[in-house]
Amino acid sequence: VSAFAGPSALIFDNVCMIVLGVVTVLVNIVFIALSCVKSMTVG
């Protein structure tokens, strides 16, 4: 982000934050779902 200046830096910062936030939420949902499925399968 230090390579950008002005409005482009703000846009780059916001886009990265949104993309990383969405990916993190999806990965955690997948992990929780897999954990439940594995637990029920073993049982």
Full PDB file with SEQRES, HELIX, SHEET, SSBOND, CRYST1, ORIGX, SCALE, CONECT and MASTER records, all heavy atoms in Angstrom:
SEQRES   1 A   43  VAL SER ALA PHE ALA GLY PRO SER ALA LEU ILE PHE ASP          
SEQRES   2 A   43  ASN VAL CYS MET ILE VAL LEU GLY VAL VAL THR VAL LEU          
SEQRES   3 A   43  VAL ASN ILE VAL PHE ILE ALA LEU SER CYS VAL LYS SER          
SEQRES   4 A   43  MET THR VAL GLY                                              
HELIX    1 AA1 PRO A    7  VAL A   42  1                                  36    
CRYST1    1.000    1.000    1.000  90.00  90.00  90.00 P 1           1          
ORIGX1      1.000000  0.000000  0.000000        0.00000                         
ORIGX2      0.000000  1.000000  0.000000        0.00000                         
ORIGX3      0.000000  0.000000  1.000000        0.00000                         
SCALE1      1.000000  0.000000  0.000000        0.00000                         
SCALE2      0.000000  1.000000  0.000000        0.00000                         
SCALE3      0.000000  0.000000  1.000000        0.00000                         
ATOM      1  N   VAL A   1       0.819  -1.202   0.000  1.00  0.00           N  
ATOM      2  CA  VAL A   1       0.000   0.000   0.000  1.00  0.00           C  
ATOM      3  C   VAL A   1       0.858   1.259   0.000  1.00  0.00           C  
ATOM      4  O   VAL A   1       0.427   2.333  -0.450  1.00  0.00           O  
ATOM      5  CB  VAL A   1      -0.960  -0.006   1.204  1.00  0.00           C  
ATOM      6  CG1 VAL A   1      -0.192   0.249   2.506  1.00  0.00           C  
ATOM      7  CG2 VAL A   1      -2.086   1.027   1.019  1.00  0.00           C  
ATOM      8  N   SER A   2       2.080   1.174   0.487  1.00  0.00           N  
ATOM      9  CA  SER A   2       2.958   2.351   0.498  1.00  0.00           C  
ATOM     10  C   SER A   2       3.381   2.761  -0.901  1.00  0.00           C  
ATOM     11  O   SER A   2       3.889   3.875  -1.101  1.00  0.00           O  
ATOM     12  CB  SER A   2       4.204   2.073   1.343  1.00  0.00           C  
ATOM     13  OG  SER A   2       4.943   0.977   0.810  1.00  0.00           O  
ATOM     14  N   ALA A   3       3.185   1.883  -1.900  1.00  0.00           N  
ATOM     15  CA  ALA A   3       3.543   2.217  -3.279  1.00  0.00           C  
ATOM     16  C   ALA A   3       2.474   3.072  -3.948  1.00  0.00           C  
ATOM     17  O   ALA A   3       2.699   3.587  -5.053  1.00  0.00           O  
ATOM     18  CB  ALA A   3       3.766   0.943  -4.084  1.00  0.00           C  
ATOM     19  N   PHE A   4       1.297   3.189  -3.316  1.00  0.00           N  
ATOM     20  CA  PHE A   4       0.218   4.001  -3.881  1.00  0.00           C  
ATOM     21  C   PHE A   4       0.152   5.338  -3.148  1.00  0.00           C  
ATOM     22  O   PHE A   4       0.605   5.462  -1.999  1.00  0.00           O  
ATOM     23  CB  PHE A   4      -1.125   3.285  -3.761  1.00  0.00           C  
ATOM     24  CG  PHE A   4      -1.185   2.000  -4.555  1.00  0.00           C  
ATOM     25  CD1 PHE A   4      -0.738   0.796  -4.018  1.00  0.00           C  
ATOM     26  CD2 PHE A   4      -1.690   2.010  -5.843  1.00  0.00           C  
ATOM     27  CE1 PHE A   4      -0.795  -0.368  -4.754  1.00  0.00           C  
ATOM     28  CE2 PHE A   4      -1.758   0.830  -6.584  1.00  0.00           C  
ATOM     29  CZ  PHE A   4      -1.304  -0.356  -6.039  1.00  0.00           C  
ATOM     30  N   ALA A   5      -0.443   6.314  -3.793  1.00  0.00           N  
ATOM     31  CA  ALA A   5      -0.587   7.648  -3.204  1.00  0.00           C  
ATOM     32  C   ALA A   5      -1.951   8.214  -3.565  1.00  0.00           C  
ATOM     33  O   ALA A   5      -2.537   7.874  -4.606  1.00  0.00           O  
ATOM     34  CB  ALA A   5       0.527   8.576  -3.697  1.00  0.00           C  
ATOM     35  N   GLY A   6      -2.462   9.045  -2.695  1.00  0.00           N  
ATOM     36  CA  GLY A   6      -3.720   9.708  -2.974  1.00  0.00           C  
ATOM     37  C   GLY A   6      -4.905   8.788  -2.917  1.00  0.00           C  
ATOM     38  O   GLY A   6      -4.926   7.790  -2.174  1.00  0.00           O  
ATOM     39  N   PRO A   7      -5.942   9.042  -3.747  1.00  0.00           N  
ATOM     40  CA  PRO A   7      -7.175   8.231  -3.737  1.00  0.00           C  
ATOM     41  C   PRO A   7      -6.935   6.776  -4.121  1.00  0.00           C  
ATOM     42  O   PRO A   7      -7.643   5.885  -3.643  1.00  0.00           O  
ATOM     43  CB  PRO A   7      -8.060   8.932  -4.778  1.00  0.00           C  
ATOM     44  CG  PRO A   7      -7.525  10.319  -4.885  1.00  0.00           C  
ATOM     45  CD  PRO A   7      -6.044  10.224  -4.648  1.00  0.00           C  
ATOM     46  N   SER A   8      -5.956   6.511  -4.974  1.00  0.00           N  
ATOM     47  CA  SER A   8      -5.688   5.125  -5.370  1.00  0.00           C  
ATOM     48  C   SER A   8      -5.259   4.270  -4.184  1.00  0.00           C  
ATOM     49  O   SER A   8      -5.572   3.066  -4.116  1.00  0.00           O  
ATOM     50  CB  SER A   8      -4.624   5.081  -6.462  1.00  0.00           C  
ATOM     51  OG  SER A   8      -3.407   5.674  -5.990  1.00  0.00           O  
ATOM     52  N   ALA A   9      -4.544   4.865  -3.227  1.00  0.00           N  
ATOM     53  CA  ALA A   9      -4.136   4.124  -2.034  1.00  0.00           C  
ATOM     54  C   ALA A   9      -5.350   3.741  -1.194  1.00  0.00           C  
ATOM     55  O   ALA A   9      -5.442   2.625  -0.663  1.00  0.00           O  
ATOM     56  CB  ALA A   9      -3.155   4.950  -1.206  1.00  0.00           C  
ATOM     57  N   LEU A  10      -6.315   4.681  -1.087  1.00  0.00           N  
ATOM     58  CA  LEU A  10      -7.528   4.401  -0.315  1.00  0.00           C  
ATOM     59  C   LEU A  10      -8.343   3.299  -0.984  1.00  0.00           C  
ATOM     60  O   LEU A  10      -8.856   2.390  -0.314  1.00  0.00           O  
ATOM     61  CB  LEU A  10      -8.359   5.673  -0.183  1.00  0.00           C  
ATOM     62  CG  LEU A  10      -9.689   5.528   0.567  1.00  0.00           C  
ATOM     63  CD1 LEU A  10      -9.448   5.053   1.992  1.00  0.00           C  
ATOM     64  CD2 LEU A  10     -10.461   6.844   0.536  1.00  0.00           C  
ATOM     65  N   ILE A  11      -8.475   3.376  -2.323  1.00  0.00           N  
ATOM     66  CA  ILE A  11      -9.227   2.349  -3.049  1.00  0.00           C  
ATOM     67  C   ILE A  11      -8.560   0.987  -2.892  1.00  0.00           C  
ATOM     68  O   ILE A  11      -9.232  -0.035  -2.632  1.00  0.00           O  
ATOM     69  CB  ILE A  11      -9.342   2.738  -4.538  1.00  0.00           C  
ATOM     70  CG1 ILE A  11     -10.184   4.002  -4.696  1.00  0.00           C  
ATOM     71  CG2 ILE A  11      -9.939   1.578  -5.347  1.00  0.00           C  
ATOM     72  CD1 ILE A  11     -10.220   4.541  -6.122  1.00  0.00           C  
ATOM     73  N   PHE A  12      -7.237   0.940  -3.065  1.00  0.00           N  
ATOM     74  CA  PHE A  12      -6.498  -0.331  -2.910  1.00  0.00           C  
ATOM     75  C   PHE A  12      -6.682  -0.889  -1.507  1.00  0.00           C  
ATOM     76  O   PHE A  12      -6.895  -2.101  -1.332  1.00  0.00           O  
ATOM     77  CB  PHE A  12      -5.014  -0.087  -3.206  1.00  0.00           C  
ATOM     78  CG  PHE A  12      -4.156  -1.300  -3.024  1.00  0.00           C  
ATOM     79  CD1 PHE A  12      -4.156  -2.332  -3.948  1.00  0.00           C  
ATOM     80  CD2 PHE A  12      -3.328  -1.410  -1.897  1.00  0.00           C  
ATOM     81  CE1 PHE A  12      -3.355  -3.456  -3.765  1.00  0.00           C  
ATOM     82  CE2 PHE A  12      -2.536  -2.536  -1.712  1.00  0.00           C  
ATOM     83  CZ  PHE A  12      -2.541  -3.559  -2.648  1.00  0.00           C  
ATOM     84  N   ASP A  13      -6.622  -0.032  -0.502  1.00  0.00           N  
ATOM     85  CA  ASP A  13      -6.771  -0.470   0.887  1.00  0.00           C  
ATOM     86  C   ASP A  13      -8.159  -1.062   1.123  1.00  0.00           C  
ATOM     87  O   ASP A  13      -8.307  -2.132   1.718  1.00  0.00           O  
ATOM     88  CB  ASP A  13      -6.542   0.727   1.809  1.00  0.00           C  
ATOM     89  CG  ASP A  13      -5.671   0.352   3.002  1.00  0.00           C  
ATOM     90  OD1 ASP A  13      -4.977  -0.684   2.930  1.00  0.00           O  
ATOM     91  OD2 ASP A  13      -5.674   1.084   4.008  1.00  0.00           O  
ATOM     92  N   ASN A  14      -9.192  -0.377   0.634  1.00  0.00           N  
ATOM     93  CA  ASN A  14     -10.563  -0.829   0.876  1.00  0.00           C  
ATOM     94  C   ASN A  14     -10.871  -2.127   0.118  1.00  0.00           C  
ATOM     95  O   ASN A  14     -11.524  -3.029   0.661  1.00  0.00           O  
ATOM     96  CB  ASN A  14     -11.549   0.261   0.467  1.00  0.00           C  
ATOM     97  CG  ASN A  14     -11.493   1.465   1.401  1.00  0.00           C  
ATOM     98  OD1 ASN A  14     -11.091   1.337   2.563  1.00  0.00           O  
ATOM     99  ND2 ASN A  14     -11.880   2.631   0.895  1.00  0.00           N  
ATOM    100  N   VAL A  15     -10.412  -2.232  -1.124  1.00  0.00           N  
ATOM    101  CA  VAL A  15     -10.656  -3.444  -1.906  1.00  0.00           C  
ATOM    102  C   VAL A  15      -9.990  -4.648  -1.254  1.00  0.00           C  
ATOM    103  O   VAL A  15     -10.592  -5.731  -1.119  1.00  0.00           O  
ATOM    104  CB  VAL A  15     -10.168  -3.254  -3.354  1.00  0.00           C  
ATOM    105  CG1 VAL A  15     -10.192  -4.594  -4.099  1.00  0.00           C  
ATOM    106  CG2 VAL A  15     -11.028  -2.234  -4.085  1.00  0.00           C  
ATOM    107  N   CYS A  16      -8.727  -4.479  -0.841  1.00  0.00           N  
ATOM    108  CA  CYS A  16      -8.009  -5.588  -0.188  1.00  0.00           C  
ATOM    109  C   CYS A  16      -8.693  -5.991   1.105  1.00  0.00           C  
ATOM    110  O   CYS A  16      -8.813  -7.189   1.406  1.00  0.00           O  
ATOM    111  CB  CYS A  16      -6.567  -5.177   0.082  1.00  0.00           C  
ATOM    112  SG  CYS A  16      -5.543  -5.031  -1.399  1.00  0.00           S  
ATOM    113  N   MET A  17      -9.156  -5.021   1.867  1.00  0.00           N  
ATOM    114  CA  MET A  17      -9.800  -5.335   3.140  1.00  0.00           C  
ATOM    115  C   MET A  17     -11.099  -6.111   2.912  1.00  0.00           C  
ATOM    116  O   MET A  17     -11.384  -7.084   3.623  1.00  0.00           O  
ATOM    117  CB  MET A  17     -10.074  -4.048   3.913  1.00  0.00           C  
ATOM    118  CG  MET A  17     -10.671  -4.264   5.291  1.00  0.00           C  
ATOM    119  SD  MET A  17     -10.740  -2.742   6.270  1.00  0.00           S  
ATOM    120  CE  MET A  17     -11.785  -1.722   5.228  1.00  0.00           C  
ATOM    121  N   ILE A  18     -11.884  -5.700   1.907  1.00  0.00           N  
ATOM    122  CA  ILE A  18     -13.151  -6.388   1.634  1.00  0.00           C  
ATOM    123  C   ILE A  18     -12.896  -7.808   1.128  1.00  0.00           C  
ATOM    124  O   ILE A  18     -13.532  -8.775   1.581  1.00  0.00           O  
ATOM    125  CB  ILE A  18     -13.972  -5.587   0.610  1.00  0.00           C  
ATOM    126  CG1 ILE A  18     -14.432  -4.265   1.230  1.00  0.00           C  
ATOM    127  CG2 ILE A  18     -15.175  -6.393   0.140  1.00  0.00           C  
ATOM    128  CD1 ILE A  18     -15.086  -3.321   0.236  1.00  0.00           C  
ATOM    129  N   VAL A  19     -11.949  -7.957   0.182  1.00  0.00           N  
ATOM    130  CA  VAL A  19     -11.672  -9.287  -0.379  1.00  0.00           C  
ATOM    131  C   VAL A  19     -11.149 -10.232   0.701  1.00  0.00           C  
ATOM    132  O   VAL A  19     -11.610 -11.378   0.815  1.00  0.00           O  
ATOM    133  CB  VAL A  19     -10.665  -9.171  -1.538  1.00  0.00           C  
ATOM    134  CG1 VAL A  19     -10.209 -10.559  -1.984  1.00  0.00           C  
ATOM    135  CG2 VAL A  19     -11.280  -8.424  -2.707  1.00  0.00           C  
ATOM    136  N   LEU A  20     -10.195  -9.772   1.488  1.00  0.00           N  
ATOM    137  CA  LEU A  20      -9.637 -10.614   2.548  1.00  0.00           C  
ATOM    138  C   LEU A  20     -10.698 -10.963   3.596  1.00  0.00           C  
ATOM    139  O   LEU A  20     -10.728 -12.084   4.119  1.00  0.00           O  
ATOM    140  CB  LEU A  20      -8.457  -9.913   3.212  1.00  0.00           C  
ATOM    141  CG  LEU A  20      -7.185  -9.779   2.364  1.00  0.00           C  
ATOM    142  CD1 LEU A  20      -6.149  -8.913   3.079  1.00  0.00           C  
ATOM    143  CD2 LEU A  20      -6.588 -11.156   2.063  1.00  0.00           C  
ATOM    144  N   GLY A  21     -11.597  -9.996   3.881  1.00  0.00           N  
ATOM    145  CA  GLY A  21     -12.660 -10.261   4.855  1.00  0.00           C  
ATOM    146  C   GLY A  21     -13.624 -11.320   4.361  1.00  0.00           C  
ATOM    147  O   GLY A  21     -14.004 -12.235   5.112  1.00  0.00           O  
ATOM    148  N   VAL A  22     -14.029 -11.243   3.091  1.00  0.00           N  
ATOM    149  CA  VAL A  22     -14.956 -12.233   2.527  1.00  0.00           C  
ATOM    150  C   VAL A  22     -14.318 -13.625   2.495  1.00  0.00           C  
ATOM    151  O   VAL A  22     -14.942 -14.622   2.863  1.00  0.00           O  
ATOM    152  CB  VAL A  22     -15.401 -11.796   1.114  1.00  0.00           C  
ATOM    153  CG1 VAL A  22     -16.173 -12.916   0.428  1.00  0.00           C  
ATOM    154  CG2 VAL A  22     -16.242 -10.530   1.182  1.00  0.00           C  
ATOM    155  N   VAL A  23     -13.054 -13.688   2.071  1.00  0.00           N  
ATOM    156  CA  VAL A  23     -12.361 -14.982   1.999  1.00  0.00           C  
ATOM    157  C   VAL A  23     -12.231 -15.589   3.388  1.00  0.00           C  
ATOM    158  O   VAL A  23     -12.425 -16.810   3.577  1.00  0.00           O  
ATOM    159  CB  VAL A  23     -10.984 -14.816   1.336  1.00  0.00           C  
ATOM    160  CG1 VAL A  23     -10.196 -16.117   1.429  1.00  0.00           C  
ATOM    161  CG2 VAL A  23     -11.136 -14.391  -0.108  1.00  0.00           C  
ATOM    162  N   THR A  24     -11.924 -14.770   4.376  1.00  0.00           N  
ATOM    163  CA  THR A  24     -11.777 -15.278   5.745  1.00  0.00           C  
ATOM    164  C   THR A  24     -13.087 -15.846   6.269  1.00  0.00           C  
ATOM    165  O   THR A  24     -13.121 -16.928   6.879  1.00  0.00           O  
ATOM    166  CB  THR A  24     -11.308 -14.138   6.674  1.00  0.00           C  
ATOM    167  OG1 THR A  24     -10.061 -13.627   6.211  1.00  0.00           O  
ATOM    168  CG2 THR A  24     -11.139 -14.648   8.099  1.00  0.00           C  
ATOM    169  N   VAL A  25     -14.175 -15.144   6.033  1.00  0.00           N  
ATOM    170  CA  VAL A  25     -15.478 -15.637   6.477  1.00  0.00           C  
ATOM    171  C   VAL A  25     -15.808 -16.963   5.801  1.00  0.00           C  
ATOM    172  O   VAL A  25     -16.265 -17.923   6.450  1.00  0.00           O  
ATOM    173  CB  VAL A  25     -16.576 -14.584   6.192  1.00  0.00           C  
ATOM    174  CG1 VAL A  25     -17.957 -15.178   6.448  1.00  0.00           C  
ATOM    175  CG2 VAL A  25     -16.367 -13.350   7.054  1.00  0.00           C  
ATOM    176  N   LEU A  26     -15.570 -17.065   4.491  1.00  0.00           N  
ATOM    177  CA  LEU A  26     -15.873 -18.302   3.761  1.00  0.00           C  
ATOM    178  C   LEU A  26     -15.030 -19.471   4.254  1.00  0.00           C  
ATOM    179  O   LEU A  26     -15.539 -20.587   4.423  1.00  0.00           O  
ATOM    180  CB  LEU A  26     -15.646 -18.078   2.263  1.00  0.00           C  
ATOM    181  CG  LEU A  26     -16.630 -17.134   1.559  1.00  0.00           C  
ATOM    182  CD1 LEU A  26     -16.235 -16.953   0.100  1.00  0.00           C  
ATOM    183  CD2 LEU A  26     -18.059 -17.648   1.654  1.00  0.00           C  
ATOM    184  N   VAL A  27     -13.729 -19.224   4.488  1.00  0.00           N  
ATOM    185  CA  VAL A  27     -12.851 -20.299   4.951  1.00  0.00           C  
ATOM    186  C   VAL A  27     -13.290 -20.797   6.321  1.00  0.00           C  
ATOM    187  O   VAL A  27     -13.321 -22.017   6.568  1.00  0.00           O  
ATOM    188  CB  VAL A  27     -11.389 -19.819   4.983  1.00  0.00           C  
ATOM    189  CG1 VAL A  27     -10.508 -20.829   5.716  1.00  0.00           C  
ATOM    190  CG2 VAL A  27     -10.872 -19.608   3.572  1.00  0.00           C  
ATOM    191  N   ASN A  28     -13.670 -19.908   7.206  1.00  0.00           N  
ATOM    192  CA  ASN A  28     -14.106 -20.328   8.540  1.00  0.00           C  
ATOM    193  C   ASN A  28     -15.422 -21.090   8.481  1.00  0.00           C  
ATOM    194  O   ASN A  28     -15.615 -22.049   9.231  1.00  0.00           O  
ATOM    195  CB  ASN A  28     -14.235 -19.105   9.454  1.00  0.00           C  
ATOM    196  CG  ASN A  28     -12.901 -18.627   9.988  1.00  0.00           C  
ATOM    197  OD1 ASN A  28     -12.279 -19.257  10.829  1.00  0.00           O  
ATOM    198  ND2 ASN A  28     -12.437 -17.502   9.469  1.00  0.00           N  
ATOM    199  N   ILE A  29     -16.317 -20.666   7.585  1.00  0.00           N  
ATOM    200  CA  ILE A  29     -17.575 -21.404   7.428  1.00  0.00           C  
ATOM    201  C   ILE A  29     -17.307 -22.817   6.917  1.00  0.00           C  
ATOM    202  O   ILE A  29     -17.883 -23.802   7.402  1.00  0.00           O  
ATOM    203  CB  ILE A  29     -18.520 -20.644   6.471  1.00  0.00           C  
ATOM    204  CG1 ILE A  29     -19.017 -19.357   7.134  1.00  0.00           C  
ATOM    205  CG2 ILE A  29     -19.703 -21.522   6.074  1.00  0.00           C  
ATOM    206  CD1 ILE A  29     -19.852 -18.481   6.212  1.00  0.00           C  
ATOM    207  N   VAL A  30     -16.397 -22.933   5.932  1.00  0.00           N  
ATOM    208  CA  VAL A  30     -16.056 -24.257   5.386  1.00  0.00           C  
ATOM    209  C   VAL A  30     -15.425 -25.128   6.463  1.00  0.00           C  
ATOM    210  O   VAL A  30     -15.748 -26.325   6.584  1.00  0.00           O  
ATOM    211  CB  VAL A  30     -15.105 -24.106   4.180  1.00  0.00           C  
ATOM    212  CG1 VAL A  30     -14.553 -25.467   3.768  1.00  0.00           C  
ATOM    213  CG2 VAL A  30     -15.823 -23.458   3.015  1.00  0.00           C  
ATOM    214  N   PHE A  31     -14.529 -24.561   7.274  1.00  0.00           N  
ATOM    215  CA  PHE A  31     -13.877 -25.339   8.333  1.00  0.00           C  
ATOM    216  C   PHE A  31     -14.890 -25.829   9.362  1.00  0.00           C  
ATOM    217  O   PHE A  31     -14.853 -26.993   9.789  1.00  0.00           O  
ATOM    218  CB  PHE A  31     -12.798 -24.505   9.009  1.00  0.00           C  
ATOM    219  CG  PHE A  31     -12.151 -25.191  10.174  1.00  0.00           C  
ATOM    220  CD1 PHE A  31     -11.279 -26.262   9.988  1.00  0.00           C  
ATOM    221  CD2 PHE A  31     -12.416 -24.787  11.480  1.00  0.00           C  
ATOM    222  CE1 PHE A  31     -10.682 -26.911  11.057  1.00  0.00           C  
ATOM    223  CE2 PHE A  31     -11.818 -25.432  12.561  1.00  0.00           C  
ATOM    224  CZ  PHE A  31     -10.953 -26.489  12.347  1.00  0.00           C  
ATOM    225  N   ILE A  32     -15.804 -24.968   9.768  1.00  0.00           N  
ATOM    226  CA  ILE A  32     -16.819 -25.364  10.751  1.00  0.00           C  
ATOM    227  C   ILE A  32     -17.724 -26.452  10.163  1.00  0.00           C  
ATOM    228  O   ILE A  32     -18.071 -27.434  10.839  1.00  0.00           O  
ATOM    229  CB  ILE A  32     -17.643 -24.141  11.183  1.00  0.00           C  
ATOM    230  CG1 ILE A  32     -16.749 -23.168  11.969  1.00  0.00           C  
ATOM    231  CG2 ILE A  32     -18.828 -24.567  12.040  1.00  0.00           C  
ATOM    232  CD1 ILE A  32     -17.410 -21.846  12.294  1.00  0.00           C  
ATOM    233  N   ALA A  33     -18.102 -26.285   8.878  1.00  0.00           N  
ATOM    234  CA  ALA A  33     -18.959 -27.288   8.237  1.00  0.00           C  
ATOM    235  C   ALA A  33     -18.247 -28.633   8.130  1.00  0.00           C  
ATOM    236  O   ALA A  33     -18.833 -29.688   8.417  1.00  0.00           O  
ATOM    237  CB  ALA A  33     -19.383 -26.793   6.857  1.00  0.00           C  
ATOM    238  N   LEU A  34     -16.969 -28.609   7.710  1.00  0.00           N  
ATOM    239  CA  LEU A  34     -16.199 -29.854   7.615  1.00  0.00           C  
ATOM    240  C   LEU A  34     -16.061 -30.519   8.981  1.00  0.00           C  
ATOM    241  O   LEU A  34     -16.138 -31.747   9.091  1.00  0.00           O  
ATOM    242  CB  LEU A  34     -14.825 -29.584   7.022  1.00  0.00           C  
ATOM    243  CG  LEU A  34     -14.744 -29.409   5.502  1.00  0.00           C  
ATOM    244  CD1 LEU A  34     -13.323 -29.047   5.084  1.00  0.00           C  
ATOM    245  CD2 LEU A  34     -15.190 -30.683   4.792  1.00  0.00           C  
ATOM    246  N   SER A  35     -15.849 -29.721  10.012  1.00  0.00           N  
ATOM    247  CA  SER A  35     -15.709 -30.275  11.362  1.00  0.00           C  
ATOM    248  C   SER A  35     -16.985 -30.991  11.786  1.00  0.00           C  
ATOM    249  O   SER A  35     -16.941 -32.100  12.350  1.00  0.00           O  
ATOM    250  CB  SER A  35     -15.373 -29.155  12.356  1.00  0.00           C  
ATOM    251  OG  SER A  35     -14.151 -28.526  12.024  1.00  0.00           O  
ATOM    252  N   CYS A  36     -18.137 -30.379  11.506  1.00  0.00           N  
ATOM    253  CA  CYS A  36     -19.417 -31.013  11.863  1.00  0.00           C  
ATOM    254  C   CYS A  36     -19.631 -32.294  11.074  1.00  0.00           C  
ATOM    255  O   CYS A  36     -20.073 -33.311  11.626  1.00  0.00           O  
ATOM    256  CB  CYS A  36     -20.559 -30.030  11.625  1.00  0.00           C  
ATOM    257  SG  CYS A  36     -20.533 -28.573  12.698  1.00  0.00           S  
ATOM    258  N   VAL A  37     -19.317 -32.240   9.767  1.00  0.00           N  
ATOM    259  CA  VAL A  37     -19.509 -33.421   8.922  1.00  0.00           C  
ATOM    260  C   VAL A  37     -18.596 -34.554   9.382  1.00  0.00           C  
ATOM    261  O   VAL A  37     -19.025 -35.718   9.483  1.00  0.00           O  
ATOM    262  CB  VAL A  37     -19.240 -33.067   7.448  1.00  0.00           C  
ATOM    263  CG1 VAL A  37     -19.184 -34.328   6.602  1.00  0.00           C  
ATOM    264  CG2 VAL A  37     -20.312 -32.133   6.928  1.00  0.00           C  
ATOM    265  N   LYS A  38     -17.317 -34.250   9.644  1.00  0.00           N  
ATOM    266  CA  LYS A  38     -16.374 -35.284  10.094  1.00  0.00           C  
ATOM    267  C   LYS A  38     -16.833 -35.892  11.412  1.00  0.00           C  
ATOM    268  O   LYS A  38     -16.777 -37.115  11.606  1.00  0.00           O  
ATOM    269  CB  LYS A  38     -14.976 -34.696  10.257  1.00  0.00           C  
ATOM    270  CG  LYS A  38     -14.329 -34.216   8.973  1.00  0.00           C  
ATOM    271  CD  LYS A  38     -13.994 -35.367   8.051  1.00  0.00           C  
ATOM    272  CE  LYS A  38     -13.251 -34.864   6.813  1.00  0.00           C  
ATOM    273  NZ  LYS A  38     -12.955 -35.976   5.862  1.00  0.00           N  
ATOM    274  N   SER A  39     -17.280 -35.054  12.340  1.00  0.00           N  
ATOM    275  CA  SER A  39     -17.720 -35.558  13.647  1.00  0.00           C  
ATOM    276  C   SER A  39     -18.928 -36.482  13.496  1.00  0.00           C  
ATOM    277  O   SER A  39     -18.974 -37.565  14.103  1.00  0.00           O  
ATOM    278  CB  SER A  39     -18.063 -34.375  14.553  1.00  0.00           C  
ATOM    279  OG  SER A  39     -18.480 -34.819  15.823  1.00  0.00           O  
ATOM    280  N   MET A  40     -19.903 -36.092  12.667  1.00  0.00           N  
ATOM    281  CA  MET A  40     -21.088 -36.929  12.476  1.00  0.00           C  
ATOM    282  C   MET A  40     -20.745 -38.215  11.725  1.00  0.00           C  
ATOM    283  O   MET A  40     -21.297 -39.274  12.022  1.00  0.00           O  
ATOM    284  CB  MET A  40     -22.165 -36.138  11.721  1.00  0.00           C  
ATOM    285  CG  MET A  40     -22.788 -35.031  12.545  1.00  0.00           C  
ATOM    286  SD  MET A  40     -24.210 -34.245  11.726  1.00  0.00           S  
ATOM    287  CE  MET A  40     -23.395 -33.478  10.318  1.00  0.00           C  
ATOM    288  N   THR A  41     -19.816 -38.125  10.766  1.00  0.00           N  
ATOM    289  CA  THR A  41     -19.424 -39.315  10.005  1.00  0.00           C  
ATOM    290  C   THR A  41     -18.756 -40.347  10.900  1.00  0.00           C  
ATOM    291  O   THR A  41     -19.052 -41.550  10.832  1.00  0.00           O  
ATOM    292  CB  THR A  41     -18.468 -38.928   8.864  1.00  0.00           C  
ATOM    293  OG1 THR A  41     -19.119 -37.992   8.009  1.00  0.00           O  
ATOM    294  CG2 THR A  41     -18.058 -40.149   8.063  1.00  0.00           C  
ATOM    295  N   VAL A  42     -17.835 -39.889  11.759  1.00  0.00           N  
ATOM    296  CA  VAL A  42     -17.158 -40.802  12.675  1.00  0.00           C  
ATOM    297  C   VAL A  42     -18.160 -41.432  13.638  1.00  0.00           C  
ATOM    298  O   VAL A  42     -18.114 -42.641  13.906  1.00  0.00           O  
ATOM    299  CB  VAL A  42     -16.048 -40.064  13.449  1.00  0.00           C  
ATOM    300  CG1 VAL A  42     -15.502 -40.943  14.574  1.00  0.00           C  
ATOM    301  CG2 VAL A  42     -14.920 -39.673  12.506  1.00  0.00           C  
ATOM    302  N   GLY A  43     -19.079 -40.619  14.158  1.00  0.00           N  
ATOM    303  CA  GLY A  43     -20.098 -41.168  15.052  1.00  0.00           C  
ATOM    304  C   GLY A  43     -20.952 -42.218  14.377  1.00  0.00           C  
ATOM    305  O   GLY A  43     -21.268 -43.255  14.973  1.00  0.00           O  
TER     306      GLY A  43                                                      
MASTER        0    0    0    1    0    0    0    6  305    1    0    4          
END                                                                             
